[in-house]
Amino acid sequence: MGCAREKALLACLSVEGDLVIREAGPADAEAILAIGRELVEDGDTYVFAPTTTDDELKAYWLSPAGRTFVAVLDGRTVGCYFLRSNYPGRGRHVANASYAVGRSFTRRGIGRAMAEHSLEKARGLGFQAMQFNLVVSTNDRAVTLWRTLGFRIVGTLPKVFDHPTRGLVDAYVMHKAL
């Protein structure tokens, strides 16, 4: 995405403050790790086990198999996403991404800004679709966001996620042509 287009996209979102979404660098690793630790502690959106180590989180969010981006609000890293191919070989034209917003920065439009940014990046990289393989059905904010951005639920995986307070719950496979 060109710089002017990226600024226009961010300007039309309802995030208060100066939000910049950029490719992550080595200096971002600790902030990404802190956000990842919150996901492990919460346990309600990602399959990370409670015993997930910092090295495992870094390997996931900073894998060379994709590209990691950070959302920086007023100079502070408040979110990240990881964009990669969903499948190798003949399925490499379908993108996949993982997103996380720091706990104290939710409900500010940062997730939507990263989602829209990732869709533009995916298009720019030549992906023809984006697919999420496991969206926890009880994660209402994510399901609603993806639907408003044009994703469809193309499959339901019965009781595949062990939610810390609700027990076994369904997850969705969601897809959008780019």
Protein backbone atom coordinates (compact mmCIF):
# COMPACT_ATOMS: atom_id res chain seq x y z
CA MET A 1 0.00 0.00 0.00
CA GLY A 2 1.38 3.43 -0.86
CA CYS A 3 2.11 5.84 1.98
CA ALA A 4 -0.56 8.33 0.87
CA ARG A 5 -3.20 5.60 0.59
CA GLU A 6 -2.21 4.16 3.98
CA LYS A 7 -2.52 7.59 5.64
CA ALA A 8 -5.92 8.11 4.00
CA LEU A 9 -7.10 4.71 5.26
CA LEU A 10 -5.96 5.39 8.81
CA ALA A 11 -7.44 8.89 8.74
CA CYS A 12 -10.93 7.59 7.98
CA LEU A 13 -10.90 5.20 10.95
CA SER A 14 -12.20 6.25 14.34
CA VAL A 15 -8.95 5.75 16.26
CA GLU A 16 -8.16 8.69 18.51
CA GLY A 17 -4.50 9.66 18.48
CA ASP A 18 -1.68 9.16 16.00
CA LEU A 19 -1.90 5.53 14.83
CA VAL A 20 0.81 4.16 12.56
CA ILE A 21 0.84 0.60 11.25
CA ARG A 22 4.24 -0.52 10.04
CA GLU A 23 6.34 -3.61 9.51
CA ALA A 24 7.86 -4.83 12.77
CA GLY A 25 11.57 -4.68 13.43
CA PRO A 26 13.82 -6.33 16.03
CA ALA A 27 13.15 -3.50 18.50
CA ASP A 28 9.43 -4.44 18.51
CA ALA A 29 9.95 -7.98 19.81
CA GLU A 30 9.41 -7.19 23.50
CA ALA A 31 6.19 -5.24 22.89
CA ILE A 32 4.86 -8.03 20.67
CA LEU A 33 5.80 -10.55 23.34
CA ALA A 34 3.95 -8.55 26.02
CA ILE A 35 0.79 -8.55 23.89
CA GLY A 36 1.24 -12.28 23.26
CA ARG A 37 1.51 -12.94 26.99
CA GLU A 38 -1.87 -11.24 27.47
CA LEU A 39 -3.40 -13.62 24.92
CA VAL A 40 -2.00 -16.58 26.84
CA GLU A 41 -3.29 -15.21 30.16
CA ASP A 42 -6.76 -14.50 28.79
CA GLY A 43 -7.00 -17.85 27.01
CA ASP A 44 -10.26 -17.02 25.25
CA THR A 45 -9.21 -16.29 21.65
CA TYR A 46 -6.05 -18.23 20.76
CA VAL A 47 -5.10 -21.88 21.19
CA PHE A 48 -1.93 -21.05 23.12
CA ALA A 49 -1.60 -23.33 26.17
CA PRO A 50 -1.22 -21.68 29.59
CA THR A 51 2.36 -23.02 29.59
CA THR A 52 3.32 -21.29 26.33
CA THR A 53 6.84 -19.88 26.68
CA ASP A 54 8.19 -16.54 25.53
CA ASP A 55 10.30 -18.33 22.93
CA GLU A 56 7.19 -20.05 21.54
CA LEU A 57 5.34 -16.73 21.36
CA LYS A 58 8.25 -15.07 19.58
CA ALA A 59 8.49 -18.00 17.15
CA TYR A 60 4.78 -17.61 16.35
CA TRP A 61 4.49 -13.83 16.03
CA LEU A 62 7.93 -13.21 14.50
CA SER A 63 8.22 -16.23 12.22
CA PRO A 64 10.21 -15.73 9.02
CA ALA A 65 7.40 -17.62 7.25
CA GLY A 66 5.41 -14.38 7.08
CA ARG A 67 5.50 -10.67 7.83
CA THR A 68 4.76 -9.08 11.20
CA PHE A 69 3.29 -5.61 11.52
CA VAL A 70 2.76 -3.45 14.59
CA ALA A 71 0.17 -0.81 15.39
CA VAL A 72 1.80 2.10 17.17
CA LEU A 73 -0.47 4.63 18.86
CA ASP A 74 1.14 7.86 19.99
CA GLY A 75 4.54 6.15 20.02
CA ARG A 76 3.45 3.03 21.94
CA THR A 77 3.04 -0.43 20.38
CA VAL A 78 -0.59 -1.40 21.04
CA GLY A 79 -1.20 -4.22 18.58
CA CYS A 80 0.33 -6.52 16.03
CA TYR A 81 -0.59 -8.83 13.22
CA PHE A 82 1.18 -11.60 11.35
CA LEU A 83 0.46 -12.09 7.64
CA ARG A 84 1.38 -15.30 5.85
CA SER A 85 0.23 -17.77 3.24
CA ASN A 86 -2.47 -20.05 4.62
CA TYR A 87 -1.19 -23.02 2.61
CA PRO A 88 1.99 -23.86 0.69
CA GLY A 89 2.19 -24.87 -2.95
CA ARG A 90 -1.07 -24.79 -4.85
CA GLY A 91 -2.82 -23.06 -1.96
CA ARG A 92 -0.29 -20.26 -1.59
CA HIS A 93 -2.66 -17.71 -3.17
CA VAL A 94 -4.77 -17.68 0.05
CA ALA A 95 -3.55 -15.46 2.88
CA ASN A 96 -3.95 -16.02 6.60
CA ALA A 97 -3.34 -13.59 9.43
CA SER A 98 -3.35 -13.43 13.21
CA TYR A 99 -4.13 -10.26 15.14
CA ALA A 100 -3.72 -9.04 18.69
CA VAL A 101 -4.49 -5.76 20.43
CA GLY A 102 -3.12 -4.98 23.86
CA ARG A 103 -5.74 -5.50 26.54
CA SER A 104 -5.88 -1.84 27.58
CA PHE A 105 -6.30 -0.66 23.98
CA THR A 106 -9.30 -2.70 22.84
CA ARG A 107 -12.50 -1.11 21.53
CA ARG A 108 -10.65 1.83 19.99
CA GLY A 109 -10.69 0.77 16.34
CA ILE A 110 -7.13 -0.56 16.37
CA GLY A 111 -8.17 -4.10 15.44
CA ARG A 112 -10.23 -2.80 12.53
CA ALA A 113 -7.35 -0.60 11.38
CA MET A 114 -4.97 -3.58 11.42
CA ALA A 115 -7.56 -5.77 9.67
CA GLU A 116 -8.05 -3.26 6.86
CA HIS A 117 -4.30 -2.72 6.62
CA SER A 118 -3.72 -6.48 6.36
CA LEU A 119 -6.32 -6.88 3.62
CA GLU A 120 -4.59 -4.15 1.58
CA LYS A 121 -1.17 -5.72 2.21
CA ALA A 122 -2.47 -9.14 1.23
CA ARG A 123 -3.91 -7.76 -2.03
CA GLY A 124 -0.65 -5.95 -2.70
CA LEU A 125 1.30 -9.18 -2.21
CA GLY A 126 -0.89 -10.93 -4.78
CA PHE A 127 -3.08 -13.01 -2.49
CA GLN A 128 -6.52 -13.73 -3.95
CA ALA A 129 -8.33 -14.53 -0.71
CA MET A 130 -7.90 -14.51 3.06
CA GLN A 131 -8.97 -17.33 5.31
CA PHE A 132 -9.05 -17.72 9.08
CA ASN A 133 -8.92 -21.36 10.14
CA LEU A 134 -10.09 -21.01 13.73
CA VAL A 135 -12.16 -18.02 14.90
CA VAL A 136 -13.53 -18.87 18.33
CA SER A 137 -17.33 -18.64 18.12
CA THR A 138 -17.56 -16.87 21.49
CA ASN A 139 -15.19 -14.12 20.31
CA ASP A 140 -18.11 -11.90 19.31
CA ARG A 141 -15.98 -8.85 18.56
CA ALA A 142 -13.79 -10.75 16.08
CA VAL A 143 -16.71 -12.53 14.40
CA THR A 144 -18.57 -9.22 14.03
CA LEU A 145 -15.48 -7.43 12.69
CA TRP A 146 -14.77 -10.11 10.10
CA ARG A 147 -18.39 -10.16 8.96
CA THR A 148 -18.48 -6.36 8.56
CA LEU A 149 -15.34 -6.63 6.44
CA GLY A 150 -17.01 -9.14 4.12
CA PHE A 151 -15.82 -12.46 5.55
CA ARG A 152 -18.24 -15.37 5.49
CA ILE A 153 -18.40 -18.32 7.83
CA VAL A 154 -17.70 -21.24 5.51
CA GLY A 155 -17.49 -23.91 8.18
CA THR A 156 -18.16 -24.62 11.83
CA LEU A 157 -15.76 -26.79 13.79
CA PRO A 158 -17.75 -28.31 16.67
CA LYS A 159 -16.30 -27.97 20.17
CA VAL A 160 -12.68 -27.59 19.03
CA PHE A 161 -11.71 -24.79 21.43
CA ASP A 162 -11.36 -25.29 25.17
CA HIS A 163 -12.52 -21.93 26.52
CA PRO A 164 -11.28 -21.20 30.07
CA THR A 165 -14.75 -20.34 31.41
CA ARG A 166 -17.24 -21.76 28.87
CA GLY A 167 -15.70 -25.17 28.27
CA LEU A 168 -15.66 -26.65 24.79
CA VAL A 169 -16.98 -24.21 22.20
CA ASP A 170 -17.22 -24.12 18.41
CA ALA A 171 -14.87 -22.28 16.10
CA TYR A 172 -15.46 -20.94 12.62
CA VAL A 173 -13.54 -21.07 9.38
CA MET A 174 -13.99 -17.64 7.78
CA HIS A 175 -13.12 -16.64 4.21
CA LYS A 176 -13.09 -13.58 1.99
CA ALA A 177 -12.12 -13.21 -1.66
CA LEU A 178 -9.76 -10.31 -2.19
